[in-house]
Amino acid sequence: MRAHTHTTTPEEGRGLQPPSHGQPSPALLSRADQGYARFLRRHSTDQNAQDETGQEHHR
């Protein structure tokens, strides 16, 4: 019987996870960028409304 030992460098080709595990896909990054841009647009619109009225604007 073989004892499992922890190594500092994983062996190539072993394990169940693909080599790109833990790295976001380009599609996921694209959706995240779009969501962040939408957030920034909403935030800047809220700031402009607050500046013009002098009051906070909540949604």
PDB file of N, CA and C in Angstrom:
ATOM      1  N   MET A   1       0.832  -1.172   0.000  1.00  0.00           N
ATOM      2  CA  MET A   1       0.000   0.000   0.000  1.00  0.00           C
ATOM      3  C   MET A   1       0.877   1.235   0.000  1.00  0.00           C
ATOM      4  N   ARG A   2       0.465   2.223  -0.749  1.00  0.00           N
ATOM      5  CA  ARG A   2       1.253   3.434  -0.889  1.00  0.00           C
ATOM      6  C   ARG A   2       0.668   4.565  -0.054  1.00  0.00           C
ATOM      7  N   ALA A   3       1.485   5.237   0.693  1.00  0.00           N
ATOM      8  CA  ALA A   3       1.024   6.379   1.483  1.00  0.00           C
ATOM      9  C   ALA A   3       1.048   7.628   0.615  1.00  0.00           C
ATOM     10  N   HIS A   4       0.009   8.449   0.771  1.00  0.00           N
ATOM     11  CA  HIS A   4      -0.055   9.697   0.008  1.00  0.00           C
ATOM     12  C   HIS A   4       0.834  10.734   0.683  1.00  0.00           C
ATOM     13  N   THR A   5       1.715  11.324  -0.084  1.00  0.00           N
ATOM     14  CA  THR A   5       2.583  12.375   0.459  1.00  0.00           C
ATOM     15  C   THR A   5       2.280  13.678  -0.254  1.00  0.00           C
ATOM     16  N   HIS A   6       2.351  14.748   0.467  1.00  0.00           N
ATOM     17  CA  HIS A   6       2.116  16.071  -0.107  1.00  0.00           C
ATOM     18  C   HIS A   6       3.410  16.589  -0.723  1.00  0.00           C
ATOM     19  N   THR A   7       3.340  17.034  -1.940  1.00  0.00           N
ATOM     20  CA  THR A   7       4.507  17.602  -2.604  1.00  0.00           C
ATOM     21  C   THR A   7       4.242  19.064  -2.892  1.00  0.00           C
ATOM     22  N   THR A   8       5.303  19.818  -3.097  1.00  0.00           N
ATOM     23  CA  THR A   8       5.151  21.244  -3.378  1.00  0.00           C
ATOM     24  C   THR A   8       4.772  21.499  -4.818  1.00  0.00           C
ATOM     25  N   THR A   9       5.078  20.573  -5.722  1.00  0.00           N
ATOM     26  CA  THR A   9       4.710  20.745  -7.124  1.00  0.00           C
ATOM     27  C   THR A   9       3.807  19.592  -7.541  1.00  0.00           C
ATOM     28  N   PRO A  10       2.612  19.911  -8.042  1.00  0.00           N
ATOM     29  CA  PRO A  10       1.709  18.834  -8.458  1.00  0.00           C
ATOM     30  C   PRO A  10       2.231  18.148  -9.717  1.00  0.00           C
ATOM     31  N   GLU A  11       1.991  16.875  -9.791  1.00  0.00           N
ATOM     32  CA  GLU A  11       2.397  16.127 -10.974  1.00  0.00           C
ATOM     33  C   GLU A  11       1.433  16.430 -12.112  1.00  0.00           C
ATOM     34  N   GLU A  12       1.949  16.540 -13.304  1.00  0.00           N
ATOM     35  CA  GLU A  12       1.116  16.806 -14.480  1.00  0.00           C
ATOM     36  C   GLU A  12       0.261  15.597 -14.807  1.00  0.00           C
ATOM     37  N   GLY A  13      -0.985  15.858 -15.205  1.00  0.00           N
ATOM     38  CA  GLY A  13      -1.841  14.790 -15.655  1.00  0.00           C
ATOM     39  C   GLY A  13      -2.507  13.991 -14.552  1.00  0.00           C
ATOM     40  N   ARG A  14      -2.352  14.377 -13.307  1.00  0.00           N
ATOM     41  CA  ARG A  14      -2.967  13.633 -12.213  1.00  0.00           C
ATOM     42  C   ARG A  14      -4.076  14.466 -11.600  1.00  0.00           C
ATOM     43  N   GLY A  15      -5.028  13.816 -11.039  1.00  0.00           N
ATOM     44  CA  GLY A  15      -6.129  14.504 -10.384  1.00  0.00           C
ATOM     45  C   GLY A  15      -7.331  14.628 -11.303  1.00  0.00           C
ATOM     46  N   LEU A  16      -8.428  15.126 -10.748  1.00  0.00           N
ATOM     47  CA  LEU A  16      -9.669  15.198 -11.500  1.00  0.00           C
ATOM     48  C   LEU A  16      -9.943  16.574 -12.075  1.00  0.00           C
ATOM     49  N   GLN A  17      -9.221  17.578 -11.641  1.00  0.00           N
ATOM     50  CA  GLN A  17      -9.475  18.937 -12.104  1.00  0.00           C
ATOM     51  C   GLN A  17      -8.691  19.227 -13.375  1.00  0.00           C
ATOM     52  N   PRO A  18      -9.314  19.952 -14.316  1.00  0.00           N
ATOM     53  CA  PRO A  18      -8.600  20.301 -15.547  1.00  0.00           C
ATOM     54  C   PRO A  18      -7.460  21.272 -15.240  1.00  0.00           C
ATOM     55  N   PRO A  19      -6.479  21.387 -16.119  1.00  0.00           N
ATOM     56  CA  PRO A  19      -5.342  22.268 -15.886  1.00  0.00           C
ATOM     57  C   PRO A  19      -5.737  23.736 -15.670  1.00  0.00           C
ATOM     58  N   SER A  20      -6.856  24.150 -16.239  1.00  0.00           N
ATOM     59  CA  SER A  20      -7.255  25.549 -16.109  1.00  0.00           C
ATOM     60  C   SER A  20      -8.149  25.784 -14.898  1.00  0.00           C
ATOM     61  N   HIS A  21      -8.254  24.811 -14.007  1.00  0.00           N
ATOM     62  CA  HIS A  21      -9.105  24.944 -12.829  1.00  0.00           C
ATOM     63  C   HIS A  21      -8.664  26.158 -12.002  1.00  0.00           C
ATOM     64  N   GLY A  22      -9.634  26.972 -11.620  1.00  0.00           N
ATOM     65  CA  GLY A  22      -9.333  28.151 -10.809  1.00  0.00           C
ATOM     66  C   GLY A  22      -9.105  29.403 -11.624  1.00  0.00           C
ATOM     67  N   GLN A  23      -9.064  29.279 -12.930  1.00  0.00           N
ATOM     68  CA  GLN A  23      -8.896  30.435 -13.804  1.00  0.00           C
ATOM     69  C   GLN A  23     -10.228  30.726 -14.482  1.00  0.00           C
ATOM     70  N   PRO A  24     -10.703  31.979 -14.405  1.00  0.00           N
ATOM     71  CA  PRO A  24     -12.003  32.289 -15.017  1.00  0.00           C
ATOM     72  C   PRO A  24     -11.942  32.212 -16.541  1.00  0.00           C
ATOM     73  N   SER A  25     -13.049  31.807 -17.119  1.00  0.00           N
ATOM     74  CA  SER A  25     -13.124  31.708 -18.573  1.00  0.00           C
ATOM     75  C   SER A  25     -13.266  33.106 -19.178  1.00  0.00           C
ATOM     76  N   PRO A  26     -12.911  33.270 -20.434  1.00  0.00           N
ATOM     77  CA  PRO A  26     -13.084  34.578 -21.096  1.00  0.00           C
ATOM     78  C   PRO A  26     -14.539  35.042 -21.077  1.00  0.00           C
ATOM     79  N   ALA A  27     -15.490  34.113 -21.209  1.00  0.00           N
ATOM     80  CA  ALA A  27     -16.908  34.487 -21.172  1.00  0.00           C
ATOM     81  C   ALA A  27     -17.289  35.029 -19.803  1.00  0.00           C
ATOM     82  N   LEU A  28     -16.788  34.409 -18.749  1.00  0.00           N
ATOM     83  CA  LEU A  28     -17.080  34.882 -17.397  1.00  0.00           C
ATOM     84  C   LEU A  28     -16.485  36.265 -17.168  1.00  0.00           C
ATOM     85  N   LEU A  29     -15.270  36.485 -17.616  1.00  0.00           N
ATOM     86  CA  LEU A  29     -14.644  37.803 -17.483  1.00  0.00           C
ATOM     87  C   LEU A  29     -15.421  38.860 -18.246  1.00  0.00           C
ATOM     88  N   SER A  30     -15.920  38.519 -19.418  1.00  0.00           N
ATOM     89  CA  SER A  30     -16.702  39.452 -20.217  1.00  0.00           C
ATOM     90  C   SER A  30     -17.986  39.848 -19.497  1.00  0.00           C
ATOM     91  N   ARG A  31     -18.688  38.857 -18.937  1.00  0.00           N
ATOM     92  CA  ARG A  31     -19.921  39.159 -18.198  1.00  0.00           C
ATOM     93  C   ARG A  31     -19.628  40.000 -16.968  1.00  0.00           C
ATOM     94  N   ALA A  32     -18.531  39.732 -16.298  1.00  0.00           N
ATOM     95  CA  ALA A  32     -18.159  40.513 -15.121  1.00  0.00           C
ATOM     96  C   ALA A  32     -17.850  41.959 -15.517  1.00  0.00           C
ATOM     97  N   ASP A  33     -17.152  42.149 -16.618  1.00  0.00           N
ATOM     98  CA  ASP A  33     -16.857  43.507 -17.103  1.00  0.00           C
ATOM     99  C   ASP A  33     -18.139  44.256 -17.435  1.00  0.00           C
ATOM    100  N   GLN A  34     -19.081  43.579 -18.068  1.00  0.00           N
ATOM    101  CA  GLN A  34     -20.347  44.222 -18.420  1.00  0.00           C
ATOM    102  C   GLN A  34     -21.126  44.606 -17.165  1.00  0.00           C
ATOM    103  N   GLY A  35     -21.144  43.738 -16.182  1.00  0.00           N
ATOM    104  CA  GLY A  35     -21.844  44.030 -14.938  1.00  0.00           C
ATOM    105  C   GLY A  35     -21.203  45.181 -14.191  1.00  0.00           C
ATOM    106  N   TYR A  36     -19.888  45.221 -14.169  1.00  0.00           N
ATOM    107  CA  TYR A  36     -19.183  46.306 -13.492  1.00  0.00           C
ATOM    108  C   TYR A  36     -19.428  47.633 -14.206  1.00  0.00           C
ATOM    109  N   ALA A  37     -19.429  47.625 -15.535  1.00  0.00           N
ATOM    110  CA  ALA A  37     -19.717  48.844 -16.297  1.00  0.00           C
ATOM    111  C   ALA A  37     -21.136  49.328 -16.000  1.00  0.00           C
ATOM    112  N   ARG A  38     -22.083  48.390 -15.904  1.00  0.00           N
ATOM    113  CA  ARG A  38     -23.466  48.756 -15.570  1.00  0.00           C
ATOM    114  C   ARG A  38     -23.527  49.373 -14.176  1.00  0.00           C
ATOM    115  N   PHE A  39     -22.805  48.799 -13.225  1.00  0.00           N
ATOM    116  CA  PHE A  39     -22.744  49.344 -11.874  1.00  0.00           C
ATOM    117  C   PHE A  39     -22.167  50.755 -11.876  1.00  0.00           C
ATOM    118  N   LEU A  40     -21.084  50.956 -12.614  1.00  0.00           N
ATOM    119  CA  LEU A  40     -20.463  52.281 -12.651  1.00  0.00           C
ATOM    120  C   LEU A  40     -21.391  53.314 -13.282  1.00  0.00           C
ATOM    121  N   ARG A  41     -22.117  52.928 -14.339  1.00  0.00           N
ATOM    122  CA  ARG A  41     -23.070  53.855 -14.958  1.00  0.00           C
ATOM    123  C   ARG A  41     -24.150  54.247 -13.968  1.00  0.00           C
ATOM    124  N   ARG A  42     -24.692  53.269 -13.259  1.00  0.00           N
ATOM    125  CA  ARG A  42     -25.746  53.552 -12.284  1.00  0.00           C
ATOM    126  C   ARG A  42     -25.206  54.430 -11.161  1.00  0.00           C
ATOM    127  N   HIS A  43     -24.015  54.132 -10.692  1.00  0.00           N
ATOM    128  CA  HIS A  43     -23.412  54.893  -9.599  1.00  0.00           C
ATOM    129  C   HIS A  43     -23.142  56.333 -10.019  1.00  0.00           C
ATOM    130  N   SER A  44     -22.618  56.529 -11.229  1.00  0.00           N
ATOM    131  CA  SER A  44     -22.334  57.896 -11.680  1.00  0.00           C
ATOM    132  C   SER A  44     -23.632  58.666 -11.916  1.00  0.00           C
ATOM    133  N   THR A  45     -24.678  57.990 -12.377  1.00  0.00           N
ATOM    134  CA  THR A  45     -25.979  58.639 -12.555  1.00  0.00           C
ATOM    135  C   THR A  45     -26.532  59.066 -11.199  1.00  0.00           C
ATOM    136  N   ASP A  46     -26.408  58.212 -10.194  1.00  0.00           N
ATOM    137  CA  ASP A  46     -26.866  58.547  -8.844  1.00  0.00           C
ATOM    138  C   ASP A  46     -26.072  59.724  -8.286  1.00  0.00           C
ATOM    139  N   GLN A  47     -24.774  59.751  -8.532  1.00  0.00           N
ATOM    140  CA  GLN A  47     -23.939  60.856  -8.044  1.00  0.00           C
ATOM    141  C   GLN A  47     -24.334  62.161  -8.716  1.00  0.00           C
ATOM    142  N   ASN A  48     -24.619  62.115 -10.016  1.00  0.00           N
ATOM    143  CA  ASN A  48     -25.030  63.320 -10.733  1.00  0.00           C
ATOM    144  C   ASN A  48     -26.362  63.830 -10.189  1.00  0.00           C
ATOM    145  N   ALA A  49     -27.299  62.938  -9.912  1.00  0.00           N
ATOM    146  CA  ALA A  49     -28.592  63.331  -9.355  1.00  0.00           C
ATOM    147  C   ALA A  49     -28.406  63.946  -7.976  1.00  0.00           C
ATOM    148  N   GLN A  50     -27.493  63.396  -7.193  1.00  0.00           N
ATOM    149  CA  GLN A  50     -27.232  63.930  -5.857  1.00  0.00           C
ATOM    150  C   GLN A  50     -26.590  65.309  -5.955  1.00  0.00           C
ATOM    151  N   ASP A  51     -25.669  65.501  -6.872  1.00  0.00           N
ATOM    152  CA  ASP A  51     -24.998  66.787  -7.036  1.00  0.00           C
ATOM    153  C   ASP A  51     -25.974  67.872  -7.470  1.00  0.00           C
ATOM    154  N   GLU A  52     -26.895  67.523  -8.351  1.00  0.00           N
ATOM    155  CA  GLU A  52     -27.831  68.520  -8.871  1.00  0.00           C
ATOM    156  C   GLU A  52     -28.870  68.931  -7.837  1.00  0.00           C
ATOM    157  N   THR A  53     -29.323  68.011  -7.005  1.00  0.00           N
ATOM    158  CA  THR A  53     -30.381  68.321  -6.047  1.00  0.00           C
ATOM    159  C   THR A  53     -29.827  68.663  -4.671  1.00  0.00           C
ATOM    160  N   GLY A  54     -28.587  68.270  -4.411  1.00  0.00           N
ATOM    161  CA  GLY A  54     -28.018  68.502  -3.104  1.00  0.00           C
ATOM    162  C   GLY A  54     -28.481  67.497  -2.083  1.00  0.00           C
ATOM    163  N   GLN A  55     -29.248  66.506  -2.510  1.00  0.00           N
ATOM    164  CA  GLN A  55     -29.759  65.469  -1.615  1.00  0.00           C
ATOM    165  C   GLN A  55     -29.335  64.107  -2.154  1.00  0.00           C
ATOM    166  N   GLU A  56     -29.336  63.154  -1.236  1.00  0.00           N
ATOM    167  CA  GLU A  56     -29.009  61.798  -1.669  1.00  0.00           C
ATOM    168  C   GLU A  56     -30.173  61.209  -2.437  1.00  0.00           C
ATOM    169  N   HIS A  57     -29.855  60.405  -3.426  1.00  0.00           N
ATOM    170  CA  HIS A  57     -30.859  59.762  -4.259  1.00  0.00           C
ATOM    171  C   HIS A  57     -30.757  58.262  -4.069  1.00  0.00           C
ATOM    172  N   HIS A  58     -31.774  57.638  -3.457  1.00  0.00           N
ATOM    173  CA  HIS A  58     -31.775  56.198  -3.239  1.00  0.00           C
ATOM    174  C   HIS A  58     -32.752  55.537  -4.180  1.00  0.00           C
ATOM    175  N   ARG A  59     -32.409  54.303  -4.594  1.00  0.00           N
ATOM    176  CA  ARG A  59     -33.320  53.523  -5.453  1.00  0.00           C
ATOM    177  C   ARG A  59     -33.989  52.488  -4.635  1.00  0.00           C
TER     178      ARG A  59
END
